[in-house]
Amino acid sequence: TEALRQAIAHGDEDWESQLVASFYRLSKVEERLAQDQKDAASDYE
């Protein structure tokens, strides 16, 4: 939480774009996780 506070205070557009991309990729594997937990567990981690 301390690291997150500092990141929000110092983050620029590059930080935002990387965060958006990582959230999108995580969302895609979360869809698979709901369907096949065993198969998607490693990718999810």
ModelCIF file with pLDDT and N, C-alpha, C, O atoms, coordinates in Angstrom:
data_MODEL
#
_entry.id   MODEL 
#
_entity.id                         1 
_entity.type                       polymer 
_entity.pdbx_number_of_molecules   1 
#
_entity_poly.entity_id                      1 
_entity_poly.type                           'polypeptide(L)' 
_entity_poly.nstd_linkage                   no 
_entity_poly.nstd_monomer                   no 
_entity_poly.pdbx_seq_one_letter_code       TEALRQAIAHGDEDWESQLVASFYRLSKVEERLAQDQKDAASDYE 
_entity_poly.pdbx_seq_one_letter_code_can   TEALRQAIAHGDEDWESQLVASFYRLSKVEERLAQDQKDAASDYE 
_entity_poly.pdbx_strand_id                 A 
#
loop_
_entity_poly_seq.entity_id 
_entity_poly_seq.num 
_entity_poly_seq.mon_id 
_entity_poly_seq.hetero 
1 1  THR n 
1 2  GLU n 
1 3  ALA n 
1 4  LEU n 
1 5  ARG n 
1 6  GLN n 
1 7  ALA n 
1 8  ILE n 
1 9  ALA n 
1 10 HIS n 
1 11 GLY n 
1 12 ASP n 
1 13 GLU n 
1 14 ASP n 
1 15 TRP n 
1 16 GLU n 
1 17 SER n 
1 18 GLN n 
1 19 LEU n 
1 20 VAL n 
1 21 ALA n 
1 22 SER n 
1 23 PHE n 
1 24 TYR n 
1 25 ARG n 
1 26 LEU n 
1 27 SER n 
1 28 LYS n 
1 29 VAL n 
1 30 GLU n 
1 31 GLU n 
1 32 ARG n 
1 33 LEU n 
1 34 ALA n 
1 35 GLN n 
1 36 ASP n 
1 37 GLN n 
1 38 LYS n 
1 39 ASP n 
1 40 ALA n 
1 41 ALA n 
1 42 SER n 
1 43 ASP n 
1 44 TYR n 
1 45 GLU n 
#
_struct_asym.id          A 
_struct_asym.entity_id   1 
#
loop_
_ma_qa_metric.id 
_ma_qa_metric.mode 
_ma_qa_metric.name 
_ma_qa_metric.software_group_id 
_ma_qa_metric.type 
1 global pLDDT . pLDDT 
2 local  pLDDT . pLDDT 
#
_ma_qa_metric_global.metric_id      1 
_ma_qa_metric_global.metric_value   89.69 
_ma_qa_metric_global.model_id       1 
_ma_qa_metric_global.ordinal_id     1 
#
loop_
_ma_qa_metric_local.label_asym_id 
_ma_qa_metric_local.label_comp_id 
_ma_qa_metric_local.label_seq_id 
_ma_qa_metric_local.metric_id 
_ma_qa_metric_local.metric_value 
_ma_qa_metric_local.model_id 
_ma_qa_metric_local.ordinal_id 
A THR 1  2 98.00 1 1  
A GLU 2  2 98.00 1 2  
A ALA 3  2 98.00 1 3  
A LEU 4  2 98.00 1 4  
A ARG 5  2 98.00 1 5  
A GLN 6  2 98.00 1 6  
A ALA 7  2 98.00 1 7  
A ILE 8  2 98.00 1 8  
A ALA 9  2 98.00 1 9  
A HIS 10 2 98.00 1 10 
A GLY 11 2 97.00 1 11 
A ASP 12 2 97.00 1 12 
A GLU 13 2 97.00 1 13 
A ASP 14 2 97.00 1 14 
A TRP 15 2 98.00 1 15 
A GLU 16 2 98.00 1 16 
A SER 17 2 97.00 1 17 
A GLN 18 2 97.00 1 18 
A LEU 19 2 98.00 1 19 
A VAL 20 2 98.00 1 20 
A ALA 21 2 98.00 1 21 
A SER 22 2 98.00 1 22 
A PHE 23 2 98.00 1 23 
A TYR 24 2 97.00 1 24 
A ARG 25 2 96.00 1 25 
A LEU 26 2 96.00 1 26 
A SER 27 2 95.00 1 27 
A LYS 28 2 92.00 1 28 
A VAL 29 2 91.00 1 29 
A GLU 30 2 89.00 1 30 
A GLU 31 2 87.00 1 31 
A ARG 32 2 84.00 1 32 
A LEU 33 2 78.00 1 33 
A ALA 34 2 73.00 1 34 
A GLN 35 2 74.00 1 35 
A ASP 36 2 68.00 1 36 
A GLN 37 2 63.00 1 37 
A LYS 38 2 64.00 1 38 
A ASP 39 2 68.00 1 39 
A ALA 40 2 74.00 1 40 
A ALA 41 2 73.00 1 41 
A SER 42 2 73.00 1 42 
A ASP 43 2 84.00 1 43 
A TYR 44 2 85.00 1 44 
A GLU 45 2 84.00 1 45 
#
loop_
_atom_site.group_PDB 
_atom_site.id 
_atom_site.type_symbol 
_atom_site.label_atom_id 
_atom_site.label_alt_id 
_atom_site.label_comp_id 
_atom_site.label_asym_id 
_atom_site.label_entity_id 
_atom_site.label_seq_id 
_atom_site.pdbx_PDB_ins_code 
_atom_site.Cartn_x 
_atom_site.Cartn_y 
_atom_site.Cartn_z 
_atom_site.occupancy 
_atom_site.B_iso_or_equiv 
_atom_site.pdbx_formal_charge 
_atom_site.auth_seq_id 
_atom_site.auth_comp_id 
_atom_site.auth_asym_id 
_atom_site.auth_atom_id 
_atom_site.pdbx_PDB_model_num 
ATOM 1   N N  . THR A 1 1  ? 0.825   -1.208  0.000   1.00 98.00 ? 1  THR A N  1 
ATOM 2   C CA . THR A 1 1  ? 0.000   0.000   0.000   1.00 98.00 ? 1  THR A CA 1 
ATOM 3   C C  . THR A 1 1  ? 0.861   1.260   0.000   1.00 98.00 ? 1  THR A C  1 
ATOM 4   O O  . THR A 1 1  ? 0.499   2.256   -0.627  1.00 98.00 ? 1  THR A O  1 
ATOM 5   N N  . GLU A 1 2  ? 1.993   1.227   0.695   1.00 98.00 ? 2  GLU A N  1 
ATOM 6   C CA . GLU A 1 2  ? 2.897   2.383   0.656   1.00 98.00 ? 2  GLU A CA 1 
ATOM 7   C C  . GLU A 1 2  ? 3.497   2.545   -0.735  1.00 98.00 ? 2  GLU A C  1 
ATOM 8   O O  . GLU A 1 2  ? 3.589   3.659   -1.250  1.00 98.00 ? 2  GLU A O  1 
ATOM 9   N N  . ALA A 1 3  ? 3.904   1.432   -1.342  1.00 98.00 ? 3  ALA A N  1 
ATOM 10  C CA . ALA A 1 3  ? 4.461   1.495   -2.695  1.00 98.00 ? 3  ALA A CA 1 
ATOM 11  C C  . ALA A 1 3  ? 3.409   1.999   -3.686  1.00 98.00 ? 3  ALA A C  1 
ATOM 12  O O  . ALA A 1 3  ? 3.729   2.753   -4.605  1.00 98.00 ? 3  ALA A O  1 
ATOM 13  N N  . LEU A 1 4  ? 2.161   1.584   -3.499  1.00 98.00 ? 4  LEU A N  1 
ATOM 14  C CA . LEU A 1 4  ? 1.082   2.023   -4.381  1.00 98.00 ? 4  LEU A CA 1 
ATOM 15  C C  . LEU A 1 4  ? 0.836   3.522   -4.234  1.00 98.00 ? 4  LEU A C  1 
ATOM 16  O O  . LEU A 1 4  ? 0.639   4.217   -5.231  1.00 98.00 ? 4  LEU A O  1 
ATOM 17  N N  . ARG A 1 5  ? 0.846   4.019   -3.015  1.00 98.00 ? 5  ARG A N  1 
ATOM 18  C CA . ARG A 1 5  ? 0.676   5.454   -2.794  1.00 98.00 ? 5  ARG A CA 1 
ATOM 19  C C  . ARG A 1 5  ? 1.768   6.254   -3.511  1.00 98.00 ? 5  ARG A C  1 
ATOM 20  O O  . ARG A 1 5  ? 1.490   7.268   -4.151  1.00 98.00 ? 5  ARG A O  1 
ATOM 21  N N  . GLN A 1 6  ? 2.998   5.787   -3.394  1.00 98.00 ? 6  GLN A N  1 
ATOM 22  C CA . GLN A 1 6  ? 4.104   6.494   -4.045  1.00 98.00 ? 6  GLN A CA 1 
ATOM 23  C C  . GLN A 1 6  ? 4.003   6.397   -5.567  1.00 98.00 ? 6  GLN A C  1 
ATOM 24  O O  . GLN A 1 6  ? 4.324   7.350   -6.278  1.00 98.00 ? 6  GLN A O  1 
ATOM 25  N N  . ALA A 1 7  ? 3.557   5.249   -6.059  1.00 98.00 ? 7  ALA A N  1 
ATOM 26  C CA . ALA A 1 7  ? 3.411   5.080   -7.510  1.00 98.00 ? 7  ALA A CA 1 
ATOM 27  C C  . ALA A 1 7  ? 2.348   6.027   -8.063  1.00 98.00 ? 7  ALA A C  1 
ATOM 28  O O  . ALA A 1 7  ? 2.545   6.631   -9.118  1.00 98.00 ? 7  ALA A O  1 
ATOM 29  N N  . ILE A 1 8  ? 1.243   6.158   -7.371  1.00 98.00 ? 8  ILE A N  1 
ATOM 30  C CA . ILE A 1 8  ? 0.178   7.056   -7.822  1.00 98.00 ? 8  ILE A CA 1 
ATOM 31  C C  . ILE A 1 8  ? 0.672   8.502   -7.827  1.00 98.00 ? 8  ILE A C  1 
ATOM 32  O O  . ILE A 1 8  ? 0.316   9.280   -8.712  1.00 98.00 ? 8  ILE A O  1 
ATOM 33  N N  . ALA A 1 9  ? 1.494   8.857   -6.837  1.00 98.00 ? 9  ALA A N  1 
ATOM 34  C CA . ALA A 1 9  ? 2.007   10.225  -6.745  1.00 98.00 ? 9  ALA A CA 1 
ATOM 35  C C  . ALA A 1 9  ? 3.006   10.538  -7.851  1.00 98.00 ? 9  ALA A C  1 
ATOM 36  O O  . ALA A 1 9  ? 3.083   11.675  -8.315  1.00 98.00 ? 9  ALA A O  1 
ATOM 37  N N  . HIS A 1 10 ? 3.781   9.525   -8.280  1.00 98.00 ? 10 HIS A N  1 
ATOM 38  C CA . HIS A 1 10 ? 4.848   9.759   -9.251  1.00 98.00 ? 10 HIS A CA 1 
ATOM 39  C C  . HIS A 1 10 ? 4.538   9.227   -10.649 1.00 98.00 ? 10 HIS A C  1 
ATOM 40  O O  . HIS A 1 10 ? 5.279   9.512   -11.590 1.00 98.00 ? 10 HIS A O  1 
ATOM 41  N N  . GLY A 1 11 ? 3.463   8.464   -10.801 1.00 97.00 ? 11 GLY A N  1 
ATOM 42  C CA . GLY A 1 11 ? 3.175   7.816   -12.084 1.00 97.00 ? 11 GLY A CA 1 
ATOM 43  C C  . GLY A 1 11 ? 2.874   8.805   -13.203 1.00 97.00 ? 11 GLY A C  1 
ATOM 44  O O  . GLY A 1 11 ? 2.217   9.826   -12.998 1.00 97.00 ? 11 GLY A O  1 
ATOM 45  N N  . ASP A 1 12 ? 3.379   8.470   -14.404 1.00 97.00 ? 12 ASP A N  1 
ATOM 46  C CA . ASP A 1 12 ? 3.119   9.305   -15.579 1.00 97.00 ? 12 ASP A CA 1 
ATOM 47  C C  . ASP A 1 12 ? 2.253   8.533   -16.574 1.00 97.00 ? 12 ASP A C  1 
ATOM 48  O O  . ASP A 1 12 ? 1.654   7.519   -16.216 1.00 97.00 ? 12 ASP A O  1 
ATOM 49  N N  . GLU A 1 13 ? 2.184   9.001   -17.810 1.00 97.00 ? 13 GLU A N  1 
ATOM 50  C CA . GLU A 1 13 ? 1.353   8.329   -18.814 1.00 97.00 ? 13 GLU A CA 1 
ATOM 51  C C  . GLU A 1 13 ? 1.869   6.934   -19.142 1.00 97.00 ? 13 GLU A C  1 
ATOM 52  O O  . GLU A 1 13 ? 1.082   6.026   -19.411 1.00 97.00 ? 13 GLU A O  1 
ATOM 53  N N  . ASP A 1 14 ? 3.183   6.763   -19.120 1.00 97.00 ? 14 ASP A N  1 
ATOM 54  C CA . ASP A 1 14 ? 3.749   5.432   -19.380 1.00 97.00 ? 14 ASP A CA 1 
ATOM 55  C C  . ASP A 1 14 ? 3.301   4.446   -18.306 1.00 97.00 ? 14 ASP A C  1 
ATOM 56  O O  . ASP A 1 14 ? 2.959   3.301   -18.605 1.00 97.00 ? 14 ASP A O  1 
ATOM 57  N N  . TRP A 1 15 ? 3.305   4.899   -17.059 1.00 98.00 ? 15 TRP A N  1 
ATOM 58  C CA . TRP A 1 15 ? 2.843   4.039   -15.968 1.00 98.00 ? 15 TRP A CA 1 
ATOM 59  C C  . TRP A 1 15 ? 1.383   3.660   -16.178 1.00 98.00 ? 15 TRP A C  1 
ATOM 60  O O  . TRP A 1 15 ? 1.011   2.498   -16.018 1.00 98.00 ? 15 TRP A O  1 
ATOM 61  N N  . GLU A 1 16 ? 0.558   4.636   -16.535 1.00 98.00 ? 16 GLU A N  1 
ATOM 62  C CA . GLU A 1 16 ? -0.859  4.371   -16.769 1.00 98.00 ? 16 GLU A CA 1 
ATOM 63  C C  . GLU A 1 16 ? -1.060  3.371   -17.907 1.00 98.00 ? 16 GLU A C  1 
ATOM 64  O O  . GLU A 1 16 ? -1.865  2.447   -17.792 1.00 98.00 ? 16 GLU A O  1 
ATOM 65  N N  . SER A 1 17 ? -0.326  3.559   -19.006 1.00 97.00 ? 17 SER A N  1 
ATOM 66  C CA . SER A 1 17 ? -0.512  2.675   -20.168 1.00 97.00 ? 17 SER A CA 1 
ATOM 67  C C  . SER A 1 17 ? -0.083  1.246   -19.843 1.00 97.00 ? 17 SER A C  1 
ATOM 68  O O  . SER A 1 17 ? -0.724  0.292   -20.286 1.00 97.00 ? 17 SER A O  1 
ATOM 69  N N  . GLN A 1 18 ? 0.994   1.091   -19.074 1.00 97.00 ? 18 GLN A N  1 
ATOM 70  C CA . GLN A 1 18 ? 1.433   -0.251  -18.686 1.00 97.00 ? 18 GLN A CA 1 
ATOM 71  C C  . GLN A 1 18 ? 0.435   -0.897  -17.731 1.00 97.00 ? 18 GLN A C  1 
ATOM 72  O O  . GLN A 1 18 ? 0.207   -2.105  -17.780 1.00 97.00 ? 18 GLN A O  1 
ATOM 73  N N  . LEU A 1 19 ? -0.149  -0.086  -16.873 1.00 98.00 ? 19 LEU A N  1 
ATOM 74  C CA . LEU A 1 19 ? -1.156  -0.596  -15.938 1.00 98.00 ? 19 LEU A CA 1 
ATOM 75  C C  . LEU A 1 19 ? -2.407  -1.043  -16.691 1.00 98.00 ? 19 LEU A C  1 
ATOM 76  O O  . LEU A 1 19 ? -2.981  -2.088  -16.382 1.00 98.00 ? 19 LEU A O  1 
ATOM 77  N N  . VAL A 1 20 ? -2.823  -0.261  -17.666 1.00 98.00 ? 20 VAL A N  1 
ATOM 78  C CA . VAL A 1 20 ? -3.990  -0.625  -18.485 1.00 98.00 ? 20 VAL A CA 1 
ATOM 79  C C  . VAL A 1 20 ? -3.732  -1.942  -19.212 1.00 98.00 ? 20 VAL A C  1 
ATOM 80  O O  . VAL A 1 20 ? -4.598  -2.815  -19.250 1.00 98.00 ? 20 VAL A O  1 
ATOM 81  N N  . ALA A 1 21 ? -2.540  -2.081  -19.787 1.00 98.00 ? 21 ALA A N  1 
ATOM 82  C CA . ALA A 1 21 ? -2.216  -3.298  -20.536 1.00 98.00 ? 21 ALA A CA 1 
ATOM 83  C C  . ALA A 1 21 ? -2.188  -4.523  -19.621 1.00 98.00 ? 21 ALA A C  1 
ATOM 84  O O  . ALA A 1 21 ? -2.697  -5.583  -19.986 1.00 98.00 ? 21 ALA A O  1 
ATOM 85  N N  . SER A 1 22 ? -1.595  -4.381  -18.440 1.00 98.00 ? 22 SER A N  1 
ATOM 86  C CA . SER A 1 22 ? -1.503  -5.518  -17.525 1.00 98.00 ? 22 SER A CA 1 
ATOM 87  C C  . SER A 1 22 ? -2.874  -5.910  -16.995 1.00 98.00 ? 22 SER A C  1 
ATOM 88  O O  . SER A 1 22 ? -3.147  -7.095  -16.797 1.00 98.00 ? 22 SER A O  1 
ATOM 89  N N  . PHE A 1 23 ? -3.739  -4.929  -16.763 1.00 98.00 ? 23 PHE A N  1 
ATOM 90  C CA . PHE A 1 23 ? -5.091  -5.229  -16.298 1.00 98.00 ? 23 PHE A CA 1 
ATOM 91  C C  . PHE A 1 23 ? -5.889  -5.955  -17.382 1.00 98.00 ? 23 PHE A C  1 
ATOM 92  O O  . PHE A 1 23 ? -6.651  -6.873  -17.083 1.00 98.00 ? 23 PHE A O  1 
ATOM 93  N N  . TYR A 1 24 ? -5.715  -5.549  -18.622 1.00 97.00 ? 24 TYR A N  1 
ATOM 94  C CA . TYR A 1 24 ? -6.411  -6.206  -19.725 1.00 97.00 ? 24 TYR A CA 1 
ATOM 95  C C  . TYR A 1 24 ? -5.979  -7.677  -19.831 1.00 97.00 ? 24 TYR A C  1 
ATOM 96  O O  . TYR A 1 24 ? -6.817  -8.568  -19.973 1.00 97.00 ? 24 TYR A O  1 
ATOM 97  N N  . ARG A 1 25 ? -4.671  -7.919  -19.760 1.00 96.00 ? 25 ARG A N  1 
ATOM 98  C CA . ARG A 1 25 ? -4.165  -9.289  -19.869 1.00 96.00 ? 25 ARG A CA 1 
ATOM 99  C C  . ARG A 1 25 ? -4.648  -10.144 -18.691 1.00 96.00 ? 25 ARG A C  1 
ATOM 100 O O  . ARG A 1 25 ? -4.979  -11.317 -18.864 1.00 96.00 ? 25 ARG A O  1 
ATOM 101 N N  . LEU A 1 26 ? -4.684  -9.549  -17.500 1.00 96.00 ? 26 LEU A N  1 
ATOM 102 C CA . LEU A 1 26 ? -5.186  -10.272 -16.331 1.00 96.00 ? 26 LEU A CA 1 
ATOM 103 C C  . LEU A 1 26 ? -6.674  -10.591 -16.491 1.00 96.00 ? 26 LEU A C  1 
ATOM 104 O O  . LEU A 1 26 ? -7.120  -11.684 -16.141 1.00 96.00 ? 26 LEU A O  1 
ATOM 105 N N  . SER A 1 27 ? -7.431  -9.644  -17.015 1.00 95.00 ? 27 SER A N  1 
ATOM 106 C CA . SER A 1 27 ? -8.874  -9.852  -17.208 1.00 95.00 ? 27 SER A CA 1 
ATOM 107 C C  . SER A 1 27 ? -9.151  -11.025 -18.143 1.00 95.00 ? 27 SER A C  1 
ATOM 108 O O  . SER A 1 27 ? -10.089 -11.791 -17.926 1.00 95.00 ? 27 SER A O  1 
ATOM 109 N N  . LYS A 1 28 ? -8.331  -11.161 -19.185 1.00 92.00 ? 28 LYS A N  1 
ATOM 110 C CA . LYS A 1 28 ? -8.530  -12.252 -20.144 1.00 92.00 ? 28 LYS A CA 1 
ATOM 111 C C  . LYS A 1 28 ? -8.310  -13.621 -19.491 1.00 92.00 ? 28 LYS A C  1 
ATOM 112 O O  . LYS A 1 28 ? -9.058  -14.563 -19.755 1.00 92.00 ? 28 LYS A O  1 
ATOM 113 N N  . VAL A 1 29 ? -7.282  -13.728 -18.638 1.00 91.00 ? 29 VAL A N  1 
ATOM 114 C CA . VAL A 1 29 ? -7.037  -15.025 -18.004 1.00 91.00 ? 29 VAL A CA 1 
ATOM 115 C C  . VAL A 1 29 ? -8.048  -15.281 -16.893 1.00 91.00 ? 29 VAL A C  1 
ATOM 116 O O  . VAL A 1 29 ? -8.324  -16.438 -16.573 1.00 91.00 ? 29 VAL A O  1 
ATOM 117 N N  . GLU A 1 30 ? -8.609  -14.226 -16.295 1.00 89.00 ? 30 GLU A N  1 
ATOM 118 C CA . GLU A 1 30 ? -9.650  -14.410 -15.285 1.00 89.00 ? 30 GLU A CA 1 
ATOM 119 C C  . GLU A 1 30 ? -10.906 -15.000 -15.911 1.00 89.00 ? 30 GLU A C  1 
ATOM 120 O O  . GLU A 1 30 ? -11.632 -15.745 -15.253 1.00 89.00 ? 30 GLU A O  1 
ATOM 121 N N  . GLU A 1 31 ? -11.170 -14.679 -17.167 1.00 87.00 ? 31 GLU A N  1 
ATOM 122 C CA . GLU A 1 31 ? -12.298 -15.298 -17.874 1.00 87.00 ? 31 GLU A CA 1 
ATOM 123 C C  . GLU A 1 31 ? -12.070 -16.805 -18.013 1.00 87.00 ? 31 GLU A C  1 
ATOM 124 O O  . GLU A 1 31 ? -12.990 -17.599 -17.824 1.00 87.00 ? 31 GLU A O  1 
ATOM 125 N N  . ARG A 1 32 ? -10.845 -17.185 -18.344 1.00 84.00 ? 32 ARG A N  1 
ATOM 126 C CA . ARG A 1 32 ? -10.507 -18.608 -18.462 1.00 84.00 ? 32 ARG A CA 1 
ATOM 127 C C  . ARG A 1 32 ? -10.541 -19.295 -17.108 1.00 84.00 ? 32 ARG A C  1 
ATOM 128 O O  . ARG A 1 32 ? -10.926 -20.460 -17.004 1.00 84.00 ? 32 ARG A O  1 
ATOM 129 N N  . LEU A 1 33 ? -10.140 -18.575 -16.074 1.00 78.00 ? 33 LEU A N  1 
ATOM 130 C CA . LEU A 1 33 ? -10.092 -19.145 -14.726 1.00 78.00 ? 33 LEU A CA 1 
ATOM 131 C C  . LEU A 1 33 ? -11.483 -19.570 -14.273 1.00 78.00 ? 33 LEU A C  1 
ATOM 132 O O  . LEU A 1 33 ? -11.638 -20.587 -13.596 1.00 78.00 ? 33 LEU A O  1 
ATOM 133 N N  . ALA A 1 34 ? -12.483 -18.798 -14.644 1.00 73.00 ? 34 ALA A N  1 
ATOM 134 C CA . ALA A 1 34 ? -13.858 -19.112 -14.267 1.00 73.00 ? 34 ALA A CA 1 
ATOM 135 C C  . ALA A 1 34 ? -14.358 -20.386 -14.947 1.00 73.00 ? 34 ALA A C  1 
ATOM 136 O O  . ALA A 1 34 ? -15.254 -21.060 -14.439 1.00 73.00 ? 34 ALA A O  1 
ATOM 137 N N  . GLN A 1 35 ? -13.762 -20.709 -16.113 1.00 74.00 ? 35 GLN A N  1 
ATOM 138 C CA . GLN A 1 35 ? -14.198 -21.873 -16.885 1.00 74.00 ? 35 GLN A CA 1 
ATOM 139 C C  . GLN A 1 35 ? -13.381 -23.126 -16.575 1.00 74.00 ? 35 GLN A C  1 
ATOM 140 O O  . GLN A 1 35 ? -13.925 -24.226 -16.486 1.00 74.00 ? 35 GLN A O  1 
ATOM 141 N N  . ASP A 1 36 ? -12.058 -22.945 -16.410 1.00 68.00 ? 36 ASP A N  1 
ATOM 142 C CA . ASP A 1 36 ? -11.170 -24.088 -16.170 1.00 68.00 ? 36 ASP A CA 1 
ATOM 143 C C  . ASP A 1 36 ? -10.077 -23.656 -15.215 1.00 68.00 ? 36 ASP A C  1 
ATOM 144 O O  . ASP A 1 36 ? -8.997  -23.235 -15.629 1.00 68.00 ? 36 ASP A O  1 
ATOM 145 N N  . GLN A 1 37 ? -10.378 -23.766 -13.916 1.00 63.00 ? 37 GLN A N  1 
ATOM 146 C CA . GLN A 1 37 ? -9.466  -23.266 -12.887 1.00 63.00 ? 37 GLN A CA 1 
ATOM 147 C C  . GLN A 1 37 ? -8.099  -23.948 -12.942 1.00 63.00 ? 37 GLN A C  1 
ATOM 148 O O  . GLN A 1 37 ? -7.071  -23.286 -12.803 1.00 63.00 ? 37 GLN A O  1 
ATOM 149 N N  . LYS A 1 38 ? -8.085  -25.255 -13.141 1.00 64.00 ? 38 LYS A N  1 
ATOM 150 C CA . LYS A 1 38 ? -6.827  -25.993 -13.129 1.00 64.00 ? 38 LYS A CA 1 
ATOM 151 C C  . LYS A 1 38 ? -5.933  -25.603 -14.296 1.00 64.00 ? 38 LYS A C  1 
ATOM 152 O O  . LYS A 1 38 ? -4.727  -25.420 -14.125 1.00 64.00 ? 38 LYS A O  1 
ATOM 153 N N  . ASP A 1 39 ? -6.513  -25.477 -15.470 1.00 68.00 ? 39 ASP A N  1 
ATOM 154 C CA . ASP A 1 39 ? -5.739  -25.171 -16.671 1.00 68.00 ? 39 ASP A CA 1 
ATOM 155 C C  . ASP A 1 39 ? -5.190  -23.744 -16.645 1.00 68.00 ? 39 ASP A C  1 
ATOM 156 O O  . ASP A 1 39 ? -4.096  -23.490 -17.149 1.00 68.00 ? 39 ASP A O  1 
ATOM 157 N N  . ALA A 1 40 ? -5.940  -22.823 -16.065 1.00 74.00 ? 40 ALA A N  1 
ATOM 158 C CA . ALA A 1 40 ? -5.565  -21.404 -16.119 1.00 74.00 ? 40 ALA A CA 1 
ATOM 159 C C  . ALA A 1 40 ? -4.777  -20.931 -14.902 1.00 74.00 ? 40 ALA A C  1 
ATOM 160 O O  . ALA A 1 40 ? -4.321  -19.788 -14.885 1.00 74.00 ? 40 ALA A O  1 
ATOM 161 N N  . ALA A 1 41 ? -4.603  -21.776 -13.882 1.00 73.00 ? 41 ALA A N  1 
ATOM 162 C CA . ALA A 1 41 ? -3.999  -21.335 -12.623 1.00 73.00 ? 41 ALA A CA 1 
ATOM 163 C C  . ALA A 1 41 ? -2.595  -20.773 -12.794 1.00 73.00 ? 41 ALA A C  1 
ATOM 164 O O  . ALA A 1 41 ? -2.275  -19.732 -12.222 1.00 73.00 ? 41 ALA A O  1 
ATOM 165 N N  . SER A 1 42 ? -1.753  -21.447 -13.573 1.00 73.00 ? 42 SER A N  1 
ATOM 166 C CA . SER A 1 42 ? -0.371  -20.980 -13.747 1.00 73.00 ? 42 SER A CA 1 
ATOM 167 C C  . SER A 1 42 ? -0.323  -19.658 -14.497 1.00 73.00 ? 42 SER A C  1 
ATOM 168 O O  . SER A 1 42 ? 0.427   -18.754 -14.128 1.00 73.00 ? 42 SER A O  1 
ATOM 169 N N  . ASP A 1 43 ? -1.132  -19.546 -15.558 1.00 84.00 ? 43 ASP A N  1 
ATOM 170 C CA . ASP A 1 43 ? -1.183  -18.293 -16.311 1.00 84.00 ? 43 ASP A CA 1 
ATOM 171 C C  . ASP A 1 43 ? -1.720  -17.166 -15.434 1.00 84.00 ? 43 ASP A C  1 
ATOM 172 O O  . ASP A 1 43 ? -1.259  -16.028 -15.511 1.00 84.00 ? 43 ASP A O  1 
ATOM 173 N N  . TYR A 1 44 ? -2.689  -17.498 -14.612 1.00 85.00 ? 44 TYR A N  1 
ATOM 174 C CA . TYR A 1 44 ? -3.254  -16.479 -13.717 1.00 85.00 ? 44 TYR A CA 1 
ATOM 175 C C  . TYR A 1 44 ? -2.183  -15.956 -12.767 1.00 85.00 ? 44 TYR A C  1 
ATOM 176 O O  . TYR A 1 44 ? -2.073  -14.746 -12.566 1.00 85.00 ? 44 TYR A O  1 
ATOM 177 N N  . GLU A 1 45 ? -1.405  -16.838 -12.189 1.00 84.00 ? 45 GLU A N  1 
ATOM 178 C CA . GLU A 1 45 ? -0.383  -16.406 -11.230 1.00 84.00 ? 45 GLU A CA 1 
ATOM 179 C C  . GLU A 1 45 ? 0.599   -15.450 -11.883 1.00 84.00 ? 45 GLU A C  1 
ATOM 180 O O  . GLU A 1 45 ? 1.530   -14.980 -11.229 1.00 84.00 ? 45 GLU A O  1 
#
